[in-house]
Amino acid sequence: MKSRRGNRLGIVVGGGPAPGINGVISAATIEARERGWTVMGILDGFQHLMKGDITQTVGLDIVAVSRIHLTGGSILRTSRANPTKRPEDLKRVVGSLGRLGITHLLTIGGDDTCLTASQIAGAASGLRVAHVPKTIDNDVPLPEGVDTFGFQTARDVATTIVANLMEDAKTTNRWYLVEAMGRHAGHLALGIGKSAGATLTVIPEEFGDRPVTLKHIVDILFTSVLKRRVRGRRHGVAVLAEGLVERLGKRDLATVGVPPADEFGHFRLAEADLVGTLRDRLSERMKQCGWGSSVVAKVVGYELRSARPIPFDCEYVRDLGYAAIKLLGDPQLAGAAGNGAIVCIQGGRLRPILFSDAIGRDGRVAVRMVSIDTESYAVARSYMIRLEKADLANKTSLRKLAGACGMSPPRFTKRFGYLVR
């Protein structure tokens, strides 16, 4: 269905970068222009609009965006400016959109940008709003099996990095501790570890509702190193989700040095020294046992966010950009979406998710965690080298493990038995 002329689309990108942003901008712009709409790109997220500044915009046409889908980053740039913290900022954003003549708004971002989009939709009468979810963390509450765009590219790039580190570890007889982005959930870390065949991967979901301590994580790593050594291998790579930091207690948080929160109240977990702290503690344990292998800390995150999208994401974001305009421009779909919706493609079809269905009673967008009761996680776990119940039940195995770190079997079981319960 072709829409009448006079519609003006505004496109804004919020949050951290993710591979494929430009593809969404491109597809949405092309389809909107084909419908006779004017398209305006809003620069630097909401940071200018919330100040009442409407000069930081750029007109978009088909020629300008026809090839940008192959590039990383965002031609509109992005920011974490949050207009929902103060009513006056949200009011200025709505007013700025009105002064720009925006009739349809497309936001591209993660859970925070989604929340912002929902509040704009509620505050701006007559404005149609659609949100395309974007995060390499893959933790937006889409239907099972539906990824956020950018996740697959981030996993692809990181898998190559980790695979190279695994070869280096083997060559140099050392261990690498690799921290992967993922503010809350372990999707990216698990995807990297499973794809690369890392020695083990540790994610927050495996701890359930229990608190996570640095001691517990170090014990998991130490017994993995120990088990490898007993098998004659002195190297390995462990992948850890940065979301583990969010589950630490106050004392451990102070130890890893969590910096101040951002505009949305989130701690900048990527700046916390999780793997550096774990490296130091694991190295000390290894020295106490007389082991000579070194441990190297590596953070993998920022180099993934603006990577050139792989073909999967290039195709996926074209679908999302087209579907966003279909949602905004079709009166039936727009009416069913009420005050706005998340653009979701499931089984090749547009399945809009109402903002009201994605936002919980706490006023925040729900987080999709890794389901550890699935076959997919069971496969990942079965290929990890970790201390298992069978290691303690087998007397020969237990004797070797205990002896390698200077303990008696009973003492070893008492010390590390909790890891397998």
Protein backbone atom coordinates (compact mmCIF):
# COMPACT_ATOMS: atom_id res chain seq x y z
CA MET A 1 0.00 0.00 0.00
CA LYS A 2 1.49 3.34 -1.02
CA SER A 3 0.96 6.20 1.42
CA ARG A 4 -0.02 9.75 0.60
CA ARG A 5 2.63 12.43 0.23
CA GLY A 6 3.26 14.85 3.07
CA ASN A 7 4.52 12.28 5.53
CA ARG A 8 7.88 13.05 7.08
CA LEU A 9 9.97 10.27 8.64
CA GLY A 10 12.56 10.96 11.31
CA ILE A 11 15.22 8.32 12.00
CA VAL A 12 17.23 8.37 15.21
CA VAL A 13 19.84 5.94 16.58
CA GLY A 14 20.42 5.51 20.30
CA GLY A 15 22.72 3.47 22.54
CA GLY A 16 25.89 1.67 21.54
CA PRO A 17 26.72 0.80 17.93
CA ALA A 18 25.88 -2.59 16.40
CA PRO A 19 26.68 -4.00 12.95
CA GLY A 20 23.79 -3.35 10.58
CA ILE A 21 22.55 0.06 11.74
CA ASN A 22 23.26 1.60 8.35
CA GLY A 23 21.36 -1.20 6.67
CA VAL A 24 18.21 -0.35 8.65
CA ILE A 25 18.63 3.33 7.80
CA SER A 26 19.13 2.46 4.14
CA ALA A 27 16.16 0.10 3.78
CA ALA A 28 13.81 2.38 5.71
CA THR A 29 14.87 5.43 3.73
CA ILE A 30 14.49 3.72 0.35
CA GLU A 31 11.03 2.33 1.15
CA ALA A 32 9.84 5.63 2.67
CA ARG A 33 11.08 7.62 -0.32
CA GLU A 34 9.39 5.17 -2.67
CA ARG A 35 6.15 5.97 -0.84
CA GLY A 36 6.71 9.66 -1.43
CA TRP A 37 7.75 10.51 2.13
CA THR A 38 10.42 13.01 3.14
CA VAL A 39 13.14 11.37 5.27
CA MET A 40 15.22 13.20 7.86
CA GLY A 41 18.12 11.69 9.78
CA ILE A 42 18.53 13.01 13.33
CA LEU A 43 22.16 13.16 14.41
CA ASP A 44 23.68 11.99 17.70
CA GLY A 45 20.66 10.27 19.19
CA PHE A 46 18.37 12.46 21.27
CA GLN A 47 21.05 14.70 22.70
CA HIS A 48 20.25 17.73 20.51
CA LEU A 49 16.47 17.35 20.44
CA MET A 50 16.31 17.24 24.23
CA LYS A 51 17.99 20.67 24.25
CA GLY A 52 15.52 22.05 21.72
CA ASP A 53 18.16 22.12 18.97
CA ILE A 54 16.64 21.06 15.61
CA THR A 55 19.61 22.03 13.44
CA GLN A 56 21.48 18.72 13.83
CA THR A 57 19.65 16.83 11.09
CA VAL A 58 20.38 15.64 7.57
CA GLY A 59 18.06 14.93 4.67
CA LEU A 60 18.22 11.36 3.38
CA ASP A 61 17.45 10.14 -0.12
CA ILE A 62 17.94 6.94 -2.08
CA VAL A 63 21.24 8.00 -3.64
CA ALA A 64 22.73 8.86 -0.24
CA VAL A 65 21.88 5.51 1.37
CA SER A 66 21.89 2.99 -1.48
CA ARG A 67 25.25 1.37 -0.54
CA ILE A 68 25.66 2.11 3.14
CA HIS A 69 24.17 -1.25 4.16
CA LEU A 70 27.60 -2.82 3.61
CA THR A 71 29.31 -0.55 6.13
CA GLY A 72 29.69 -0.64 9.90
CA GLY A 73 28.97 2.15 12.35
CA SER A 74 26.14 4.66 11.96
CA ILE A 75 26.00 7.50 9.44
CA LEU A 76 23.76 9.31 11.93
CA ARG A 77 26.13 8.57 14.79
CA THR A 78 24.60 7.70 18.16
CA SER A 79 24.56 8.66 21.82
CA ARG A 80 23.20 7.49 25.17
CA ALA A 81 21.45 10.77 25.93
CA ASN A 82 18.33 9.96 27.94
CA PRO A 83 15.35 12.33 27.61
CA THR A 84 13.19 10.25 29.96
CA LYS A 85 14.99 11.19 33.18
CA ARG A 86 13.48 14.69 33.30
CA PRO A 87 9.95 15.57 32.10
CA GLU A 88 11.20 18.82 30.62
CA ASP A 89 13.71 16.96 28.40
CA LEU A 90 11.03 14.63 27.07
CA LYS A 91 8.77 17.62 26.44
CA ARG A 92 11.53 19.35 24.47
CA VAL A 93 12.08 16.21 22.36
CA VAL A 94 8.39 16.03 21.51
CA GLY A 95 8.37 19.75 20.75
CA SER A 96 11.47 19.47 18.59
CA LEU A 97 9.95 16.63 16.57
CA GLY A 98 6.85 18.78 16.07
CA ARG A 99 8.91 21.75 14.88
CA LEU A 100 10.69 19.47 12.42
CA GLY A 101 7.33 18.36 11.08
CA ILE A 102 8.00 14.69 11.88
CA THR A 103 4.86 12.60 11.38
CA HIS A 104 6.53 9.18 11.72
CA LEU A 105 9.48 8.31 13.96
CA LEU A 106 11.78 5.31 13.59
CA THR A 107 14.12 4.64 16.48
CA ILE A 108 16.99 2.15 16.28
CA GLY A 109 18.51 1.01 19.55
CA GLY A 110 18.52 -1.32 22.51
CA ASP A 111 16.27 -1.57 25.55
CA ASP A 112 16.88 2.00 26.72
CA THR A 113 16.10 3.51 23.32
CA CYS A 114 13.01 1.31 23.17
CA LEU A 115 11.84 2.73 26.49
CA THR A 116 12.48 6.25 25.22
CA ALA A 117 10.53 5.53 22.03
CA SER A 118 7.57 4.23 24.03
CA GLN A 119 7.46 7.38 26.17
CA ILE A 120 7.68 9.63 23.13
CA ALA A 121 4.82 7.67 21.55
CA GLY A 122 2.74 8.24 24.67
CA ALA A 123 3.56 11.94 24.89
CA ALA A 124 3.30 12.97 21.23
CA SER A 125 -0.30 12.90 20.03
CA GLY A 126 -0.66 11.74 16.44
CA LEU A 127 2.99 10.71 16.05
CA ARG A 128 3.46 7.13 14.83
CA VAL A 129 6.48 5.42 16.33
CA ALA A 130 8.27 2.18 15.46
CA HIS A 131 11.38 0.79 17.12
CA VAL A 132 13.92 -1.58 15.56
CA PRO A 133 15.75 -3.44 18.38
CA LYS A 134 19.52 -3.40 18.13
CA THR A 135 22.18 -4.85 20.43
CA ILE A 136 25.07 -7.26 20.14
CA ASP A 137 24.01 -8.52 23.59
CA ASN A 138 20.91 -10.20 22.04
CA ASP A 139 18.97 -9.61 25.26
CA VAL A 140 15.89 -7.74 23.98
CA PRO A 141 12.70 -9.79 24.64
CA LEU A 142 12.03 -10.96 21.09
CA PRO A 143 10.40 -14.36 20.45
CA GLU A 144 12.54 -17.44 21.01
CA GLY A 145 14.95 -17.99 18.15
CA VAL A 146 14.75 -14.39 16.89
CA ASP A 147 18.04 -12.53 17.27
CA THR A 148 18.61 -8.82 17.54
CA PHE A 149 20.46 -7.55 14.51
CA GLY A 150 24.21 -7.21 14.93
CA PHE A 151 24.49 -10.19 17.25
CA GLN A 152 25.50 -12.65 14.55
CA THR A 153 28.16 -10.31 13.14
CA ALA A 154 29.56 -9.63 16.61
CA ARG A 155 29.73 -13.35 17.30
CA ASP A 156 31.40 -13.99 13.95
CA VAL A 157 34.12 -11.38 14.48
CA ALA A 158 34.72 -12.40 18.10
CA THR A 159 34.87 -16.10 17.22
CA THR A 160 37.78 -15.40 14.89
CA ILE A 161 39.55 -13.45 17.64
CA VAL A 162 39.04 -16.21 20.22
CA ALA A 163 40.06 -18.93 17.75
CA ASN A 164 43.32 -17.04 17.16
CA LEU A 165 43.87 -16.72 20.91
CA MET A 166 43.30 -20.46 21.29
CA GLU A 167 46.06 -21.15 18.79
CA ASP A 168 48.34 -18.68 20.54
CA ALA A 169 47.57 -20.28 23.91
CA LYS A 170 48.49 -23.69 22.53
CA THR A 171 51.69 -22.35 21.00
CA THR A 172 52.87 -20.53 24.11
CA ASN A 173 51.45 -22.76 26.90
CA ARG A 174 49.39 -20.00 28.45
CA TRP A 175 45.81 -19.28 29.44
CA TYR A 176 43.63 -16.46 28.13
CA LEU A 177 40.69 -15.04 30.04
CA VAL A 178 38.41 -13.31 27.51
CA GLU A 179 35.63 -11.01 28.65
CA ALA A 180 32.77 -10.59 26.16
CA MET A 181 30.18 -7.81 26.19
CA GLY A 182 26.73 -8.54 27.58
CA ARG A 183 25.41 -6.12 30.21
CA HIS A 184 22.90 -8.57 31.69
CA ALA A 185 22.87 -11.82 29.75
CA GLY A 186 25.44 -14.31 28.46
CA HIS A 187 24.19 -14.76 24.87
CA LEU A 188 27.27 -13.28 23.21
CA ALA A 189 29.81 -14.94 25.51
CA LEU A 190 28.14 -18.34 25.08
CA GLY A 191 27.82 -17.89 21.33
CA ILE A 192 31.51 -17.03 21.05
CA GLY A 193 32.69 -19.80 23.34
CA LYS A 194 30.55 -22.45 21.68
CA SER A 195 31.44 -21.39 18.14
CA ALA A 196 35.18 -21.13 18.81
CA GLY A 197 35.31 -24.26 20.95
CA ALA A 198 36.75 -22.39 23.94
CA THR A 199 37.85 -24.43 26.94
CA LEU A 200 34.97 -23.09 29.01
CA THR A 201 32.48 -20.25 29.13
CA VAL A 202 31.06 -18.71 32.30
CA ILE A 203 27.77 -16.76 32.14
CA PRO A 204 25.61 -15.23 34.88
CA GLU A 205 22.60 -17.41 34.08
CA GLU A 206 24.34 -20.58 35.31
CA PHE A 207 24.26 -19.22 38.87
CA GLY A 208 20.47 -18.89 38.90
CA ASP A 209 19.29 -16.53 41.63
CA ARG A 210 22.38 -17.10 43.75
CA PRO A 211 24.84 -14.25 44.28
CA VAL A 212 28.06 -14.46 42.29
CA THR A 213 31.44 -13.98 43.96
CA LEU A 214 34.90 -13.56 42.54
CA LYS A 215 35.99 -16.54 44.62
CA HIS A 216 33.39 -18.77 42.96
CA ILE A 217 34.46 -17.70 39.46
CA VAL A 218 38.14 -18.19 40.29
CA ASP A 219 37.38 -21.67 41.64
CA ILE A 220 35.64 -22.57 38.37
CA LEU A 221 38.63 -21.31 36.39
CA PHE A 222 41.20 -22.93 38.67
CA THR A 223 39.61 -26.38 38.54
CA SER A 224 39.38 -26.10 34.75
CA VAL A 225 43.09 -25.29 34.57
CA LEU A 226 43.76 -28.15 36.96
CA LYS A 227 41.74 -30.65 34.96
CA ARG A 228 43.55 -29.63 31.78
CA ARG A 229 46.95 -30.05 33.42
CA VAL A 230 46.07 -33.52 34.67
CA ARG A 231 45.25 -34.36 31.05
CA GLY A 232 48.63 -33.08 29.90
CA ARG A 233 47.58 -29.67 28.55
CA ARG A 234 48.85 -26.44 30.05
CA HIS A 235 46.88 -24.00 27.95
CA GLY A 236 43.30 -22.91 27.42
CA VAL A 237 40.88 -20.06 26.77
CA ALA A 238 38.00 -19.15 29.08
CA VAL A 239 35.25 -16.80 27.88
CA LEU A 240 33.42 -14.80 30.55
CA ALA A 241 30.32 -12.62 30.17
CA GLU A 242 30.74 -9.07 31.44
CA GLY A 243 27.26 -9.41 32.97
CA LEU A 244 28.92 -11.38 35.77
CA VAL A 245 30.00 -8.02 37.16
CA GLU A 246 26.38 -6.95 37.61
CA ARG A 247 25.80 -9.95 39.89
CA LEU A 248 28.74 -9.28 42.24
CA GLY A 249 28.31 -8.05 45.80
CA LYS A 250 29.48 -4.61 46.98
CA ARG A 251 32.89 -5.79 48.17
CA ASP A 252 33.70 -7.56 44.90
CA LEU A 253 32.33 -4.62 42.89
CA ALA A 254 34.77 -2.34 44.66
CA THR A 255 37.57 -4.80 43.86
CA VAL A 256 36.93 -4.76 40.11
CA GLY A 257 36.47 -0.98 40.14
CA VAL A 258 32.99 -0.40 38.70
CA PRO A 259 32.81 3.23 37.44
CA PRO A 260 29.80 5.60 37.76
CA ALA A 261 26.48 4.82 36.05
CA ASP A 262 25.52 6.25 32.66
CA GLU A 263 22.47 8.36 31.73
CA PHE A 264 20.18 5.34 31.97
CA GLY A 265 21.47 4.27 35.38
CA HIS A 266 23.63 1.45 34.04
CA PHE A 267 27.14 0.85 35.31
CA ARG A 268 29.78 0.97 32.58
CA LEU A 269 30.64 -2.68 32.99
CA ALA A 270 33.12 -2.68 30.13
CA GLU A 271 35.32 -0.33 32.18
CA ALA A 272 35.36 -2.64 35.21
CA ASP A 273 38.51 -4.76 35.46
CA LEU A 274 36.83 -8.14 35.76
CA VAL A 275 39.28 -10.24 33.77
CA GLY A 276 42.27 -8.35 35.13
CA THR A 277 41.19 -9.14 38.68
CA LEU A 278 40.47 -12.78 37.80
CA ARG A 279 43.82 -13.05 36.02
CA ASP A 280 45.69 -11.86 39.10
CA ARG A 281 43.84 -14.21 41.45
CA LEU A 282 44.11 -17.21 39.15
CA SER A 283 47.82 -16.55 38.57
CA GLU A 284 48.40 -16.45 42.32
CA ARG A 285 46.61 -19.80 42.75
CA MET A 286 48.71 -21.33 39.99
CA LYS A 287 51.95 -20.04 41.53
CA GLN A 288 50.98 -21.57 44.89
CA CYS A 289 50.75 -24.92 43.10
CA GLY A 290 54.13 -24.43 41.45
CA TRP A 291 52.69 -24.12 37.95
CA GLY A 292 54.55 -21.92 35.49
CA SER A 293 51.84 -21.13 32.92
CA SER A 294 51.01 -17.45 32.49
CA VAL A 295 47.51 -15.96 32.32
CA VAL A 296 46.56 -13.12 29.96
CA ALA A 297 43.43 -10.96 30.24
CA LYS A 298 41.63 -9.81 27.08
CA VAL A 299 38.43 -7.79 26.69
CA VAL A 300 36.50 -8.27 23.44
CA GLY A 301 33.74 -5.74 22.90
CA TYR A 302 34.22 -2.35 21.32
CA GLU A 303 35.92 -3.82 18.24
CA LEU A 304 32.73 -5.79 17.52
CA ARG A 305 30.16 -2.99 17.63
CA SER A 306 31.01 -1.12 14.42
CA ALA A 307 32.23 -4.09 12.41
CA ARG A 308 31.14 -4.51 8.82
CA PRO A 309 27.97 -6.65 8.93
CA ILE A 310 28.12 -10.21 7.66
CA PRO A 311 25.62 -11.26 4.93
CA PHE A 312 23.16 -12.56 7.53
CA ASP A 313 22.80 -9.15 9.13
CA CYS A 314 22.87 -7.33 5.77
CA GLU A 315 19.82 -9.32 4.71
CA TYR A 316 18.15 -9.20 8.11
CA VAL A 317 18.32 -5.42 8.52
CA ARG A 318 16.90 -4.87 5.06
CA ASP A 319 13.85 -6.85 6.16
CA LEU A 320 13.65 -4.84 9.39
CA GLY A 321 13.95 -1.45 7.69
CA TYR A 322 11.28 -2.30 5.13
CA ALA A 323 9.01 -3.78 7.81
CA ALA A 324 9.37 -0.63 9.94
CA ILE A 325 7.97 1.55 7.16
CA LYS A 326 5.24 -0.98 6.47
CA LEU A 327 4.28 -0.83 10.16
CA LEU A 328 4.34 2.97 10.23
CA GLY A 329 2.58 3.46 6.90
CA ASP A 330 -0.16 0.85 6.94
CA PRO A 331 -3.21 2.33 8.75
CA GLN A 332 -4.39 -1.10 9.87
CA LEU A 333 -1.02 -2.13 11.28
CA ALA A 334 -0.39 1.32 12.76
CA GLY A 335 -3.80 1.25 14.43
CA ALA A 336 -3.20 -2.20 15.86
CA ALA A 337 0.16 -1.00 17.17
CA GLY A 338 -1.57 1.60 19.32
CA ASN A 339 1.04 3.99 20.71
CA GLY A 340 3.89 2.31 18.89
CA ALA A 341 5.54 -1.07 18.57
CA ILE A 342 8.78 -2.98 18.22
CA VAL A 343 9.53 -4.26 14.73
CA CYS A 344 9.99 -8.03 14.82
CA ILE A 345 10.50 -10.43 11.92
CA GLN A 346 9.59 -14.02 12.77
CA GLY A 347 9.46 -16.75 10.17
CA GLY A 348 9.95 -14.12 7.46
CA ARG A 349 6.84 -12.20 8.54
CA LEU A 350 6.32 -8.93 10.37
CA ARG A 351 5.16 -9.64 13.93
CA PRO A 352 4.94 -6.28 15.76
CA ILE A 353 5.39 -6.33 19.53
CA LEU A 354 3.48 -3.63 21.38
CA PHE A 355 5.56 -1.42 23.64
CA SER A 356 3.12 -2.25 26.42
CA ASP A 357 3.92 -5.95 26.05
CA ALA A 358 7.69 -5.43 26.19
CA ILE A 359 7.84 -3.11 29.19
CA GLY A 360 7.39 -4.64 32.62
CA ARG A 361 5.70 -3.32 35.73
CA ASP A 362 9.02 -1.85 36.83
CA GLY A 363 8.89 0.49 33.86
CA ARG A 364 11.84 -1.13 32.12
CA VAL A 365 12.12 -3.31 29.04
CA ALA A 366 12.32 -6.96 30.03
CA VAL A 367 15.69 -8.72 29.58
CA ARG A 368 15.95 -11.97 27.64
CA MET A 369 18.36 -14.27 29.45
CA VAL A 370 20.04 -17.44 28.23
CA SER A 371 17.84 -20.50 28.86
CA ILE A 372 20.14 -23.01 30.52
CA ASP A 373 17.55 -25.80 30.47
CA THR A 374 17.76 -26.19 26.67
CA GLU A 375 19.62 -28.73 24.54
CA SER A 376 21.58 -25.85 23.04
CA TYR A 377 23.09 -24.94 26.42
CA ALA A 378 23.54 -28.61 27.33
CA VAL A 379 25.65 -29.07 24.19
CA ALA A 380 27.77 -26.03 25.03
CA ARG A 381 28.30 -27.23 28.59
CA SER A 382 29.13 -30.81 27.58
CA TYR A 383 32.10 -29.66 25.50
CA MET A 384 33.57 -27.46 28.24
CA ILE A 385 36.45 -28.64 30.42
CA ARG A 386 35.11 -28.06 33.92
CA LEU A 387 35.04 -29.92 37.20
CA GLU A 388 32.14 -32.40 37.09
CA LYS A 389 30.47 -34.76 39.55
CA ALA A 390 32.10 -37.70 37.78
CA ASP A 391 35.56 -36.28 38.56
CA LEU A 392 34.85 -36.51 42.29
CA ALA A 393 33.03 -39.84 42.09
CA ASN A 394 35.93 -41.57 40.30
CA LYS A 395 38.64 -42.35 42.87
CA THR A 396 41.46 -42.40 40.31
CA SER A 397 40.40 -39.10 38.80
CA LEU A 398 39.94 -37.50 42.23
CA ARG A 399 43.36 -38.67 43.39
CA LYS A 400 45.06 -37.16 40.32
CA LEU A 401 43.25 -33.84 40.63
CA ALA A 402 43.94 -33.53 44.34
CA GLY A 403 47.57 -34.57 43.99
CA ALA A 404 48.23 -32.07 41.18
CA CYS A 405 47.41 -29.16 43.51
CA GLY A 406 48.93 -30.63 46.66
CA MET A 407 45.72 -31.71 48.41
CA SER A 408 44.36 -34.93 49.79
CA PRO A 409 41.23 -36.29 48.07
CA PRO A 410 38.97 -35.55 51.07
CA ARG A 411 40.30 -32.01 51.37
CA PHE A 412 39.90 -31.41 47.63
CA THR A 413 36.31 -32.65 47.74
CA LYS A 414 35.53 -30.47 50.74
CA ARG A 415 37.12 -27.43 49.09
CA PHE A 416 35.68 -27.71 45.57
CA GLY A 417 32.73 -30.04 45.91
CA TYR A 418 30.28 -27.13 45.94
CA LEU A 419 31.10 -26.42 42.29
CA VAL A 420 29.33 -29.57 41.12
CA ARG A 421 26.34 -29.50 43.44
